[in-house]
Protein backbone atom coordinates (compact mmCIF):
# COMPACT_ATOMS: atom_id res chain seq x y z
CA MET A 1 -19.60 33.42 21.13
CA THR A 2 -18.00 30.05 21.75
CA GLU A 3 -14.91 29.44 19.62
CA LEU A 4 -14.16 25.93 18.36
CA CYS A 5 -10.46 25.19 18.05
CA PHE A 6 -9.76 22.07 15.95
CA VAL A 7 -6.40 20.63 17.01
CA SER A 8 -4.33 18.05 15.09
CA ALA A 9 -1.29 16.30 16.50
CA GLU A 10 2.17 17.24 15.26
CA GLY A 11 3.30 14.34 13.06
CA GLY A 12 -0.21 12.91 12.84
CA SER A 13 -2.14 11.85 9.78
CA ALA A 14 -2.57 14.48 7.07
CA PHE A 15 -5.96 12.88 6.37
CA MET A 16 -7.26 13.73 9.87
CA GLU A 17 -5.92 17.26 9.61
CA GLU A 18 -7.76 17.72 6.29
CA LEU A 19 -11.00 16.38 7.75
CA LEU A 20 -10.91 18.76 10.73
CA GLU A 21 -10.28 21.68 8.38
CA VAL A 22 -13.40 20.71 6.39
CA VAL A 23 -15.51 20.58 9.58
CA ALA A 24 -14.08 23.91 10.77
CA ASP A 25 -15.06 25.44 7.43
CA ALA A 26 -18.60 24.08 7.86
CA VAL A 27 -18.77 25.66 11.33
CA ARG A 28 -17.78 29.03 9.90
CA THR A 29 -20.38 28.63 7.13
CA ALA A 30 -23.00 27.96 9.83
CA GLY A 31 -22.13 31.26 11.49
CA GLY A 32 -19.83 29.86 14.16
CA LYS A 33 -16.32 30.82 15.11
CA ALA A 34 -13.63 28.24 14.31
CA ARG A 35 -9.89 27.93 13.84
CA THR A 36 -7.40 25.08 13.43
CA ALA A 37 -4.11 24.37 15.16
CA ILE A 38 -1.37 21.76 15.04
CA GLY A 39 0.53 20.43 18.03
CA LYS A 40 -0.05 21.46 21.63
CA TYR A 41 -3.45 22.89 22.61
CA PRO A 42 -3.12 26.65 22.08
CA GLU A 43 -3.77 29.01 24.95
CA ALA A 44 -7.35 30.18 24.85
CA GLY A 45 -9.96 32.14 26.72
CA GLY A 46 -12.89 30.84 28.71
CA ASP A 47 -15.11 30.63 25.62
CA THR A 48 -12.86 28.18 23.70
CA VAL A 49 -13.80 24.54 23.15
CA TYR A 50 -11.31 22.19 21.54
CA VAL A 51 -12.11 19.48 18.99
CA VAL A 52 -9.73 16.54 18.40
CA VAL A 53 -9.79 13.07 16.86
CA PRO A 54 -9.06 11.16 20.10
CA HIS A 55 -7.40 7.99 18.79
CA GLU A 56 -5.14 10.13 16.60
CA TYR A 57 -4.33 13.10 18.83
CA PHE A 58 -3.69 11.50 22.21
CA VAL A 59 -1.67 8.59 20.85
CA THR A 60 0.44 10.69 18.48
CA ALA A 61 1.04 13.78 20.62
CA PRO A 62 4.08 13.59 22.95
CA ASP A 63 3.57 13.60 26.71
CA ALA A 64 4.51 17.27 26.87
CA ASP A 65 1.54 18.13 24.62
CA PHE A 66 -1.05 16.15 26.60
CA PRO A 67 -3.81 18.62 27.60
CA THR A 68 -4.68 19.40 31.17
CA ALA A 69 -7.74 17.97 32.90
CA GLU A 70 -9.53 21.30 32.49
CA GLN A 71 -8.71 21.42 28.78
CA CYS A 72 -9.98 17.85 28.35
CA ARG A 73 -13.24 18.82 30.03
CA ARG A 74 -13.58 21.51 27.36
CA THR A 75 -12.77 19.12 24.49
CA ILE A 76 -15.13 17.39 22.06
CA GLY A 77 -13.98 14.12 20.55
CA PHE A 78 -14.52 13.94 16.79
CA CYS A 79 -14.90 10.22 16.13
CA VAL A 80 -14.36 8.60 12.74
CA GLU A 81 -13.68 4.91 13.42
CA HIS A 82 -16.05 1.97 12.94
CA PRO A 83 -16.72 -0.90 15.36
CA GLY A 84 -14.65 -3.94 14.50
CA THR A 85 -11.35 -2.06 14.35
CA ALA A 86 -8.64 -1.64 16.99
CA THR A 87 -8.75 2.13 16.56
CA PHE A 88 -12.46 2.22 17.47
CA GLU A 89 -11.71 0.48 20.78
CA ARG A 90 -8.86 2.88 21.46
CA ASN A 91 -11.17 5.79 20.70
CA ALA A 92 -13.92 4.52 23.01
CA GLU A 93 -11.52 4.30 25.97
CA LEU A 94 -10.18 7.82 25.45
CA LEU A 95 -13.63 9.47 25.30
CA SER A 96 -14.07 9.05 29.06
CA ILE A 97 -11.84 12.07 29.77
CA LEU A 98 -13.58 14.43 27.33
CA GLY A 99 -16.51 16.78 27.75
CA GLY A 100 -18.45 15.54 24.73
CA ALA A 101 -18.27 13.66 21.45
CA VAL A 102 -19.67 13.52 17.93
CA ASP A 103 -19.31 10.65 15.45
CA ILE A 104 -19.57 10.62 11.66
CA ASN A 105 -20.84 7.01 11.50
CA GLN A 106 -24.27 5.72 12.47
CA ASP A 107 -23.00 2.29 13.60
CA SER A 108 -20.27 3.66 15.86
CA THR A 109 -22.65 6.29 17.26
CA ALA A 110 -25.06 3.51 18.22
CA GLU A 111 -22.31 1.33 19.68
CA LEU A 112 -20.85 4.15 21.77
CA ARG A 113 -24.30 4.97 23.11
CA ARG A 114 -24.85 1.29 23.91
CA ARG A 115 -21.72 1.50 26.05
CA GLY A 116 -23.11 4.50 27.90
CA ILE A 117 -20.98 7.13 26.15
CA GLY A 118 -22.85 10.32 25.25
CA VAL A 119 -22.28 11.04 21.55
CA GLU A 120 -24.15 12.83 18.76
CA HIS A 121 -24.12 11.92 15.10
CA PHE A 122 -22.36 14.34 12.73
CA GLN A 123 -23.50 13.92 9.11
CA LEU A 124 -20.73 14.71 6.67
CA GLY A 125 -21.70 16.23 3.35
CA TYR A 126 -20.53 18.49 0.56
CA SER A 127 -17.51 20.70 1.11
CA PRO A 128 -16.14 23.18 -1.43
CA LEU A 129 -12.69 22.37 -0.01
CA TRP A 130 -12.99 18.90 -1.54
CA ASP A 131 -14.43 19.93 -4.90
CA LEU A 132 -11.79 20.34 -7.61
CA TRP A 133 -14.11 19.07 -10.35
CA GLY A 134 -17.13 21.40 -10.34
CA GLY A 135 -19.55 19.00 -12.00
CA ASP A 136 -18.27 19.22 -15.60
CA LEU A 137 -19.42 15.89 -17.04
CA ASP A 138 -17.42 16.41 -20.25
CA ARG A 139 -14.10 16.88 -18.46
CA PRO A 140 -11.63 14.19 -19.69
CA ARG A 141 -10.29 11.59 -17.25
CA ASP A 142 -6.97 9.94 -18.03
CA LEU A 143 -7.13 7.26 -15.30
CA ASP A 144 -9.65 4.44 -15.47
CA VAL A 145 -9.38 2.90 -12.00
CA THR A 146 -7.84 4.01 -8.73
CA TYR A 147 -7.65 2.68 -5.20
CA LEU A 148 -6.77 4.68 -2.07
CA GLY A 149 -6.29 2.68 1.11
CA THR A 150 -3.57 1.52 3.49
CA ALA A 151 -2.14 -1.94 2.94
CA GLU A 152 -3.72 -4.90 4.70
CA ARG A 153 -3.53 -8.57 3.78
CA ARG A 154 -7.24 -9.05 3.02
CA ARG A 155 -7.37 -5.96 0.83
CA SER A 156 -4.09 -6.90 -0.89
CA VAL A 157 -5.25 -10.40 -1.77
CA LEU A 158 -8.42 -8.99 -3.30
CA LEU A 159 -6.57 -6.31 -5.29
CA GLY A 160 -4.18 -8.95 -6.61
CA SER A 161 -7.12 -11.08 -7.74
CA TYR A 162 -8.37 -8.23 -9.97
CA ALA A 163 -5.17 -8.15 -12.04
CA ARG A 164 -6.53 -9.85 -15.16
CA ASP A 165 -9.83 -7.92 -15.11
CA LEU A 166 -8.02 -4.58 -14.89
CA ALA A 167 -5.10 -5.42 -17.20
CA GLY A 168 -6.35 -3.36 -20.15
CA LEU A 169 -7.39 -0.36 -18.03
CA ARG A 170 -5.24 2.54 -16.86
CA THR A 171 -4.98 1.71 -13.19
CA ARG A 172 -3.25 3.26 -10.19
CA LEU A 173 -3.41 1.50 -6.83
CA LEU A 174 -2.16 3.62 -3.93
CA THR A 175 -1.54 1.25 -1.02
CA PRO A 176 0.71 2.95 1.54
CA PRO A 177 1.77 1.12 4.71
CA HIS A 178 -0.44 1.57 7.77
CA GLU A 179 1.73 4.32 9.29
CA PRO A 180 1.11 8.03 9.98
CA MET A 181 1.31 9.79 6.62
CA THR A 182 2.26 13.43 6.97
CA THR A 183 3.57 14.36 3.53
CA ALA A 184 3.05 13.33 -0.07
CA ARG A 185 4.78 10.21 -1.37
CA VAL A 186 4.31 8.01 -4.42
CA ASP A 187 1.61 5.96 -2.65
CA PHE A 188 -0.01 8.75 -0.58
CA LEU A 189 -1.60 11.91 -1.92
CA PRO A 190 -2.69 14.51 0.64
CA GLY A 191 -5.14 17.35 0.17
CA LYS A 192 -5.26 19.00 -3.23
CA ALA A 193 -3.14 16.29 -4.88
CA LYS A 194 -5.65 13.64 -3.79
CA PHE A 195 -8.65 15.59 -5.05
CA GLU A 196 -6.93 16.29 -8.37
CA HIS A 197 -6.21 12.56 -8.65
CA LEU A 198 -9.87 11.71 -8.01
CA ALA A 199 -10.99 14.33 -10.54
CA ARG A 200 -8.96 12.57 -13.25
CA SER A 201 -10.09 9.03 -12.28
CA ARG A 202 -13.20 7.33 -13.67
CA PHE A 203 -13.72 4.71 -10.94
CA LEU A 204 -12.69 4.29 -7.30
CA LEU A 205 -12.42 0.77 -5.88
CA ASN A 206 -13.41 0.64 -2.21
CA LEU A 207 -12.57 -2.19 0.21
CA HIS A 208 -13.15 -2.42 3.97
CA ARG A 209 -10.40 -2.66 6.56
CA GLU A 210 -10.21 -5.39 9.23
CA GLN A 211 -13.69 -6.63 10.28
CA LYS A 212 -15.71 -3.54 9.45
CA GLN A 213 -18.65 -3.75 7.05
CA THR A 214 -19.86 -0.15 6.89
CA LEU A 215 -19.27 2.21 3.99
CA GLU A 216 -16.18 4.43 4.14
CA TRP A 217 -18.10 7.70 4.02
CA VAL A 218 -15.21 10.17 3.88
CA ARG A 219 -13.53 8.39 0.99
CA THR A 220 -16.87 7.98 -0.77
CA LEU A 221 -17.81 11.65 -0.44
CA GLU A 222 -14.36 12.83 -1.57
CA ALA A 223 -14.62 10.65 -4.69
CA MET A 224 -18.21 11.60 -5.55
CA THR A 225 -17.45 15.28 -5.05
CA ASN A 226 -14.82 14.94 -7.76
CA GLY A 227 -16.92 12.88 -10.17
CA CYS A 228 -15.17 9.58 -9.49
CA VAL A 229 -17.68 6.69 -9.58
CA VAL A 230 -17.48 4.57 -6.43
CA VAL A 231 -17.48 0.78 -6.85
CA SER A 232 -17.47 -0.73 -3.35
CA GLU A 233 -17.75 -4.12 -1.77
CA THR A 234 -21.14 -4.71 -0.15
CA SER A 235 -21.57 -2.29 2.74
CA SER A 236 -23.97 -1.44 5.50
CA GLU A 237 -24.90 2.13 6.52
CA VAL A 238 -25.21 3.19 2.87
CA GLU A 239 -28.44 5.18 3.25
CA PRO A 240 -29.38 7.74 2.07
CA LEU A 241 -27.17 6.75 -0.89
CA VAL A 242 -29.01 4.47 -3.33
CA PRO A 243 -26.96 1.54 -4.69
CA GLY A 244 -27.19 1.41 -8.47
CA GLU A 245 -28.11 5.10 -8.60
CA HIS A 246 -25.26 6.83 -6.74
CA LEU A 247 -22.69 4.03 -6.43
CA VAL A 248 -22.24 0.35 -7.26
CA LEU A 249 -22.00 -2.38 -4.61
CA ALA A 250 -20.86 -5.94 -5.32
CA ARG A 251 -19.25 -8.95 -3.68
CA PRO A 252 -15.57 -8.17 -2.97
CA GLU A 253 -14.40 -11.04 -5.21
CA ALA A 254 -16.31 -9.55 -8.16
CA LEU A 255 -15.23 -5.89 -8.02
CA GLY A 256 -12.58 -6.25 -10.73
CA SER A 257 -15.02 -7.69 -13.26
CA VAL A 258 -17.69 -5.16 -12.26
CA VAL A 259 -15.36 -2.23 -12.89
CA ALA A 260 -14.21 -3.72 -16.20
CA ALA A 261 -17.84 -4.06 -17.30
CA LEU A 262 -18.74 -0.51 -16.23
CA ALA A 263 -15.75 0.84 -18.15
CA ASP A 264 -17.50 -0.39 -21.31
CA GLU A 265 -20.79 1.36 -20.44
CA PRO A 266 -20.06 5.09 -20.80
CA GLU A 267 -23.71 6.18 -20.50
CA ARG A 268 -24.21 4.27 -17.26
CA GLU A 269 -20.93 5.65 -15.94
CA ARG A 270 -22.00 9.20 -16.82
CA HIS A 271 -25.36 8.75 -15.08
CA LEU A 272 -23.71 7.43 -11.90
CA ARG A 273 -21.24 10.32 -11.91
CA SER A 274 -23.96 12.94 -12.33
CA ALA A 275 -26.38 11.43 -9.81
CA ALA A 276 -23.70 10.99 -7.15
CA TYR A 277 -22.48 14.57 -7.50
CA GLY A 278 -26.02 15.91 -7.27
CA PHE A 279 -26.61 13.81 -4.16
CA VAL A 280 -23.46 15.05 -2.43
CA LYS A 281 -24.30 18.67 -3.24
CA SER A 282 -27.64 18.14 -1.49
CA LEU A 283 -25.91 16.98 1.70
CA ASP A 284 -25.44 20.21 3.61
CA MET A 285 -23.21 19.97 6.68
CA THR A 286 -24.60 23.20 8.09
CA SER A 287 -27.14 21.55 10.39
CA SER A 288 -24.49 19.18 11.76
CA ALA A 289 -22.13 22.10 12.24
CA ARG A 290 -24.82 23.96 14.20
CA ARG A 291 -25.30 20.93 16.46
CA LEU A 292 -21.56 20.91 17.07
CA ILE A 293 -21.70 24.62 17.96
CA ASP A 294 -24.60 23.96 20.34
CA LEU A 295 -22.76 21.06 21.96
CA ALA A 296 -19.70 23.24 22.48
CA SER A 297 -21.82 25.95 24.07
CA SER A 298 -23.53 23.48 26.41
CA LEU A 299 -20.44 21.84 27.90
CA GLY A 300 -21.12 22.05 31.61
CA SER A 301 -18.88 22.39 34.59
CA ALA A 302 -18.64 18.70 35.42
CA PRO A 303 -15.63 17.72 37.51
CA ALA A 304 -12.50 17.10 35.47
CA ALA A 305 -11.73 13.43 34.88
CA ASP A 306 -8.70 11.54 36.15
CA LEU A 307 -6.23 11.60 33.26
CA ALA A 308 -3.90 8.90 34.56
CA PRO A 309 -5.59 5.92 32.80
CA ALA A 310 -5.81 7.81 29.50
CA ARG A 311 -2.19 8.88 29.74
CA ALA A 312 -1.13 5.29 30.42
CA LEU A 313 -3.19 4.01 27.48
CA ALA A 314 -1.79 6.64 25.11
CA THR A 315 1.76 5.89 26.20
CA SER A 316 1.30 2.14 25.70
CA LEU A 317 -0.05 2.66 22.18
CA ARG A 318 2.43 5.31 21.10
CA ASN A 319 4.73 4.11 18.33
CA PRO A 320 8.46 4.73 18.59
CA GLU A 321 9.83 7.42 16.31
CA ASN A 322 10.16 6.18 12.71
CA ALA A 323 8.23 2.99 13.55
CA LEU A 324 7.37 0.86 10.53
CA ALA A 325 4.11 -0.88 9.71
CA VAL A 326 4.17 -4.43 11.02
CA ASP A 327 1.94 -5.85 8.28
CA THR A 328 4.12 -5.03 5.25
CA PRO A 329 4.69 -8.46 3.67
CA SER A 330 8.11 -9.88 2.93
CA PHE A 331 8.78 -10.67 -0.74
CA ASP A 332 10.34 -13.94 0.40
CA ALA A 333 7.86 -16.72 1.20
CA ARG A 334 9.83 -17.89 4.25
CA PHE A 335 12.15 -15.15 5.44
CA ALA A 336 10.88 -11.96 7.08
CA GLY A 337 14.14 -10.09 7.64
CA ASP A 338 14.88 -9.08 11.21
CA ARG A 339 11.48 -10.44 12.21
CA SER A 340 12.94 -13.90 11.53
CA THR A 341 15.98 -13.41 13.72
CA GLY A 342 14.39 -13.41 17.18
CA GLY A 343 15.74 -15.75 19.81
CA PRO A 344 19.19 -17.27 20.19
CA ALA A 345 21.04 -18.68 17.20
CA SER A 346 20.77 -22.44 16.78
CA ALA A 347 24.07 -24.34 16.73
CA ARG A 348 22.42 -27.00 14.57
CA GLY A 349 21.11 -24.39 12.17
CA THR A 350 24.53 -22.79 11.87
CA ALA A 351 26.10 -26.17 11.15
CA LEU A 352 23.48 -27.05 8.53
CA SER A 353 23.91 -23.64 6.91
CA ALA A 354 27.65 -24.17 6.65
CA ARG A 355 27.10 -27.63 5.16
CA ILE A 356 24.78 -26.18 2.46
CA ALA A 357 27.42 -23.59 1.60
CA GLN A 358 30.12 -26.27 1.33
CA ARG A 359 27.96 -28.44 -0.92
CA ALA A 360 27.15 -25.49 -3.17
CA ALA A 361 30.82 -24.51 -3.45
CA GLY A 362 31.70 -28.08 -4.39
CA ALA A 363 28.88 -28.27 -6.95
CA ARG A 364 30.10 -25.10 -8.63
CA ARG A 365 33.53 -26.66 -9.18
CA VAL A 366 32.27 -29.77 -10.97
CA ALA A 367 28.84 -28.85 -12.38
CA THR A 368 28.17 -29.09 -16.09
CA ARG A 369 26.55 -26.16 -17.84
CA ARG A 370 25.22 -25.99 -21.35
CA TRP A 371 23.18 -23.65 -23.51
CA GLU A 372 20.30 -24.76 -25.69
CA PRO A 373 19.40 -22.08 -28.26
CA ALA A 374 15.80 -21.18 -29.01
CA ALA A 375 14.15 -23.50 -31.52
CA ALA A 376 12.52 -20.50 -33.19
CA SER A 377 12.05 -16.89 -32.29
CA SER A 378 10.79 -13.69 -33.84
CA PRO A 379 12.61 -10.41 -33.26
CA GLY A 380 11.15 -8.27 -30.51
CA ASN A 381 10.34 -4.57 -30.74
CA ALA A 382 11.99 -3.36 -27.50
CA ASP A 383 15.61 -2.91 -26.44
CA VAL A 384 14.96 -5.24 -23.49
CA ASP A 385 16.25 -8.71 -22.67
CA VAL A 386 14.41 -10.86 -20.13
CA LEU A 387 16.36 -12.83 -17.52
CA ILE A 388 14.40 -15.65 -15.87
CA VAL A 389 15.90 -18.08 -13.37
CA ARG A 390 13.93 -21.13 -12.27
CA ARG A 391 15.00 -22.88 -9.10
CA THR A 392 13.63 -25.89 -7.26
CA GLY A 393 10.05 -25.31 -6.15
CA GLU A 394 9.15 -22.96 -9.04
CA VAL A 395 6.96 -23.95 -11.97
CA ASP A 396 8.00 -24.26 -15.62
CA PRO A 397 8.67 -20.80 -17.16
CA ASP A 398 7.06 -21.63 -20.55
CA ASP A 399 3.82 -19.80 -19.76
CA LEU A 400 5.69 -16.75 -18.49
CA ALA A 401 7.88 -16.66 -21.60
CA ASN A 402 4.81 -16.91 -23.82
CA ASP A 403 3.16 -14.04 -21.88
CA LEU A 404 6.15 -11.87 -22.75
CA LEU A 405 6.61 -13.01 -26.34
CA THR A 406 2.95 -12.31 -27.15
CA GLY A 407 2.67 -9.04 -25.20
CA SER A 408 1.85 -5.59 -26.56
CA VAL A 409 5.61 -4.84 -26.47
CA ARG A 410 7.96 -7.79 -27.02
CA PRO A 411 11.49 -8.16 -25.65
CA GLY A 412 14.57 -8.71 -27.79
CA LYS A 413 15.57 -11.96 -26.08
CA VAL A 414 14.18 -14.21 -23.41
CA LEU A 415 16.98 -16.00 -21.53
CA VAL A 416 16.04 -18.73 -19.06
CA GLY A 417 18.33 -20.38 -16.52
CA GLU A 418 17.18 -23.82 -15.30
CA ASP A 419 19.23 -23.97 -12.09
CA GLY A 420 19.32 -27.59 -10.99
CA VAL A 421 15.88 -28.19 -12.50
CA HIS A 422 15.57 -30.78 -15.25
CA PRO A 423 12.88 -29.69 -17.72
CA TRP A 424 11.23 -32.07 -20.14
CA PRO A 425 13.22 -31.86 -23.40
CA ARG A 426 11.24 -30.01 -26.08
CA PRO A 427 11.66 -27.10 -28.48
CA ARG A 428 11.38 -23.76 -26.73
CA PRO A 429 11.06 -20.19 -28.04
CA TYR A 430 13.90 -18.95 -25.80
CA ASP A 431 17.55 -19.67 -25.04
CA VAL A 432 17.99 -22.01 -22.07
CA LEU A 433 20.97 -22.37 -19.75
CA LEU A 434 20.93 -25.80 -18.04
CA HIS A 435 22.73 -26.61 -14.78
CA ASP A 436 22.69 -30.25 -13.76
CA THR A 437 22.91 -29.23 -10.06
CA PRO A 438 21.74 -26.04 -8.29
CA LEU A 439 24.40 -23.33 -8.44
CA GLY A 440 22.40 -20.38 -7.09
CA ARG A 441 20.15 -17.69 -8.51
CA GLY A 442 22.79 -14.96 -8.48
CA LEU A 443 25.39 -17.03 -10.33
CA THR A 444 22.82 -18.26 -12.85
CA ARG A 445 21.49 -14.76 -13.48
CA ASN A 446 25.00 -13.44 -14.05
CA SER A 447 25.53 -16.16 -16.67
CA LEU A 448 22.35 -15.02 -18.43
CA LEU A 449 23.64 -11.46 -18.25
CA GLU A 450 26.75 -12.42 -20.22
CA ARG A 451 24.55 -13.54 -23.12
CA SER A 452 22.39 -10.40 -23.02
CA THR A 453 22.97 -7.46 -25.39
CA ALA A 454 20.07 -5.07 -24.57
CA SER A 455 20.20 -1.73 -22.77
CA TRP A 456 17.41 -2.77 -20.40
CA LEU A 457 16.89 -6.00 -18.44
CA LEU A 458 13.59 -7.38 -17.19
CA VAL A 459 14.41 -9.53 -14.16
CA LEU A 460 11.93 -12.28 -13.25
CA ASP A 461 11.75 -15.56 -11.34
CA GLY A 462 10.27 -18.84 -12.42
CA GLY A 463 6.69 -19.36 -11.36
CA MET A 464 5.53 -15.88 -12.39
CA ARG A 465 2.88 -14.87 -14.94
CA ALA A 466 2.87 -11.50 -16.69
CA SER A 467 0.21 -9.19 -18.07
CA GLU A 468 0.40 -8.64 -21.81
CA PHE A 469 0.97 -4.97 -20.97
CA LEU A 470 3.87 -5.52 -18.54
CA LEU A 471 6.73 -4.32 -20.74
CA GLU A 472 4.65 -1.54 -22.28
CA ARG A 473 3.74 -0.05 -18.89
CA LEU A 474 7.21 -0.45 -17.38
CA LEU A 475 8.96 1.10 -20.38
CA ALA A 476 6.47 3.99 -20.44
CA ALA A 477 7.56 4.87 -16.90
CA SER A 478 11.32 4.45 -17.47
CA GLU A 479 12.35 7.81 -18.88
CA ASP A 480 13.87 9.27 -15.71
CA ALA A 481 14.46 6.04 -13.79
CA ASP A 482 17.21 3.45 -13.49
CA VAL A 483 14.80 0.85 -12.12
CA VAL A 484 11.05 0.44 -12.74
CA HIS A 485 8.95 -2.05 -10.78
CA CYS A 486 5.36 -2.98 -9.99
CA PRO A 487 3.48 -4.94 -7.31
CA VAL A 488 3.40 -8.73 -7.63
CA ALA A 489 0.22 -10.59 -6.70
CA ASP A 490 0.89 -13.40 -4.24
CA PRO A 491 -1.94 -15.86 -3.40
CA VAL A 492 -1.22 -15.70 0.35
CA ASP A 493 0.20 -12.25 1.11
CA GLY A 494 -1.62 -10.31 -1.59
CA LEU A 495 0.53 -7.55 -3.05
CA VAL A 496 4.26 -7.96 -2.44
CA GLY A 497 6.87 -5.51 -3.63
CA ALA A 498 4.18 -2.81 -3.63
CA LEU A 499 6.22 -0.06 -1.95
CA PRO A 500 9.06 2.14 -3.24
CA PRO A 501 12.60 1.35 -2.03
CA GLU A 502 13.27 2.98 1.35
CA GLU A 503 16.58 2.33 3.02
CA ARG A 504 15.13 2.39 6.53
CA ARG A 505 12.50 -0.20 5.58
CA LEU A 506 14.91 -2.39 3.63
CA ARG A 507 17.21 -2.56 6.66
CA THR A 508 14.36 -4.31 8.46
CA LEU A 509 12.49 -6.31 5.84
CA PRO A 510 13.19 -7.85 2.39
CA TYR A 511 9.95 -6.47 0.96
CA LEU A 512 11.26 -5.95 -2.59
CA GLY A 513 12.32 -8.76 -4.90
CA SER A 514 12.28 -9.59 -8.59
CA GLY A 515 9.86 -8.24 -11.19
CA TYR A 516 11.75 -5.10 -12.19
CA LEU A 517 13.11 -3.42 -15.31
CA VAL A 518 16.67 -2.13 -14.82
CA ARG A 519 19.23 -0.35 -16.95
CA ARG A 520 22.03 -2.69 -17.97
CA SER A 521 24.54 0.02 -17.07
CA LEU A 522 23.41 -0.02 -13.43
CA VAL A 523 23.73 -3.80 -13.19
CA ASP A 524 27.24 -3.56 -14.65
CA GLU A 525 28.06 -0.82 -12.14
CA PHE A 526 26.98 -3.15 -9.30
CA GLY A 527 29.03 -6.01 -10.76
CA GLY A 528 25.94 -8.10 -11.47
CA TRP A 529 24.03 -9.90 -8.73
CA SER A 530 25.56 -11.42 -5.64
CA SER A 531 26.58 -15.06 -6.12
CA GLU A 532 27.46 -15.52 -2.43
CA VAL A 533 25.92 -18.80 -1.30
CA LEU A 534 25.07 -17.31 2.08
CA PHE A 535 22.75 -14.80 0.37
CA GLU A 536 20.75 -17.35 -1.61
CA GLY A 537 17.21 -15.94 -1.88
CA LEU A 538 18.34 -12.42 -0.97
CA GLU A 539 20.06 -11.51 -4.24
CA ASP A 540 17.32 -9.07 -5.20
CA HIS A 541 17.05 -7.70 -1.68
CA LEU A 542 20.76 -6.90 -1.78
CA PHE A 543 20.27 -5.29 -5.19
CA TRP A 544 17.52 -3.04 -3.79
CA ARG A 545 19.66 -2.18 -0.76
CA ARG A 546 22.36 -0.96 -3.12
CA VAL A 547 19.83 0.99 -5.22
CA ALA A 548 18.51 2.74 -2.11
CA ALA A 549 21.97 3.39 -0.64
CA ALA A 550 23.10 4.99 -3.91
CA SER A 551 19.85 7.02 -4.20
CA ARG A 552 19.31 5.80 -7.76
CA PRO A 553 16.03 6.99 -9.32
CA THR A 554 13.24 4.41 -9.36
CA THR A 555 9.60 4.36 -10.46
CA LEU A 556 6.78 2.29 -8.98
CA VAL A 557 4.09 1.47 -11.56
CA GLN A 558 1.03 1.07 -9.35
CA GLN A 559 -0.77 -1.64 -11.26
CA VAL A 560 -0.62 -5.40 -10.72
CA LEU A 561 1.14 -6.60 -13.88
CA LEU A 562 2.76 -9.72 -12.41
CA ARG A 563 1.39 -12.72 -10.52
CA ARG A 564 3.24 -15.61 -8.96
CA LEU A 565 2.59 -19.01 -7.52
CA ARG A 566 3.74 -19.41 -3.95
CA PRO A 567 7.42 -20.46 -4.21
CA ASP A 568 8.62 -23.38 -2.08
CA PRO A 569 12.44 -23.29 -2.12
CA ASP A 570 14.80 -25.86 -0.67
CA SER A 571 16.38 -24.98 2.68
CA ARG A 572 18.80 -22.09 2.35
CA PRO A 573 21.40 -20.66 4.73
CA MET A 574 19.10 -17.74 5.58
CA ASP A 575 16.38 -20.19 6.70
CA LEU A 576 18.79 -22.02 9.02
CA ASP A 577 21.02 -19.23 10.33
CA PRO A 578 19.07 -15.97 9.87
CA HIS A 579 21.15 -13.99 12.41
CA ARG A 580 24.39 -14.44 10.50
CA VAL A 581 22.86 -13.96 7.06
CA TRP A 582 20.92 -10.81 7.91
CA ALA A 583 23.93 -9.25 9.62
CA ALA A 584 26.12 -10.11 6.61
CA ILE A 585 23.75 -8.25 4.28
CA ASP A 586 24.51 -4.99 6.11
CA GLY A 587 28.21 -5.60 5.60
CA ALA A 588 27.71 -6.30 1.90
CA VAL A 589 25.89 -2.98 1.37
CA SER A 590 28.40 -0.84 3.27
CA PRO A 591 31.22 0.64 1.15
């Protein structure tokens, strides 16, 4: 009997490894012989046929693990990518060296055949390895909405636009960077943890990646198997699923309001959950598994292909060790960290940067500062003071202050620093520090800190808007953390600040900024925020560098509770002399 050996690359995606294990289990259920392996192709007898995900295995595996020409001839490519993505094109090129192929998508099967590549369709279906729910319709679910998908600008902009619709729901958006995910992290749940998460979620939001339009079948089946109702943007290749009966399809811009409406229709939700689970249970993978067994048994003795082009392609696409996703957005609207420092330094930029620093130092010596107390205020119900600094290019903070003062949990004080901005004189419900000339965000924030008396500080910038549940959700997650933060919706980049602090990523990119709740004791330990003129705009980045370097505990609340208008700051030293500024940040973090 032919044995199918499903091989995953060492250091490859845990998702692909899970999928191959599900297919191997279906082969065994169909009466075939199957095993799984990780890393180099294992030694095998003449009756062994290998199965790999080509775009994953050949690009991730090191050169030493690249199979021989004979092994490739006895390999079936298991294809999962849709046309319209870079990974589909990579996959199509690599299939030329393999003995056969199957594809889980109808559109990619048709496109590969159109290109003259022999491939059979493999229909995914129910797997007991996915099912941690069991069909109990009365089982409680403590999460209203979830999202599982790697970060991409289009998806992020859409998720940010749902913030107000989803504000009152218990939401968790898992948006890891587009990098190989091998182990669990706060934004990536492999295997059992993912299925448990789906089994406690009411609704799954589904958005397409890049230019694809077809339904994400694996994600959809995993969710339905665990009773999580799928709400997806309009998709092709949905059949035999019936929209409105098994899942809900809508325009991508409307998904937030659709989910919010469904959350108020428990009977409709229950019907969708039941019908979808029944449908998935009827999808038996056994026939597809038998076709895979037959394909493996029929691989002929065609001449082995020349591996040189495939090796060259795999080498060119292989990421360096510890490579970071290139599409993680910077929190700063202008500065992208070491991506902004390419090319030689500009003498003119260095001179202008120095001139800005000199002007700022002079302004600090002669500037007038004054406090205007709140015209009226009611005591808050949380041991939290809010520090807001508005600089040139940011909108009036009145709306943001009102968001906080009328929220489900109210802060003790709201302290606003108008740094070189001249607001229209009027009574305000917060204390205001006025600078007649710009003195810098770090210096202004430290002045607000001196007036604060709370144990926790909520640190915000002008131009933001907050959910009424912002403080409630952040405080609920603060028990074992020194810093709690959440994604911020940006109209251009989508979700910024949506990842946990990682020292290796922060060394490259200022992806975290304001919008965090921090213990006052930690800020005091750091000596407040940097007031160095050279670091204007990077005060929060430097704060996060210090948090990561000291391994202080943090919590990422995965719901969009803050929005911001696109800031448009005046020229800063880091815009004019990025080499010097970025290098100086490293020196400021080092002991």
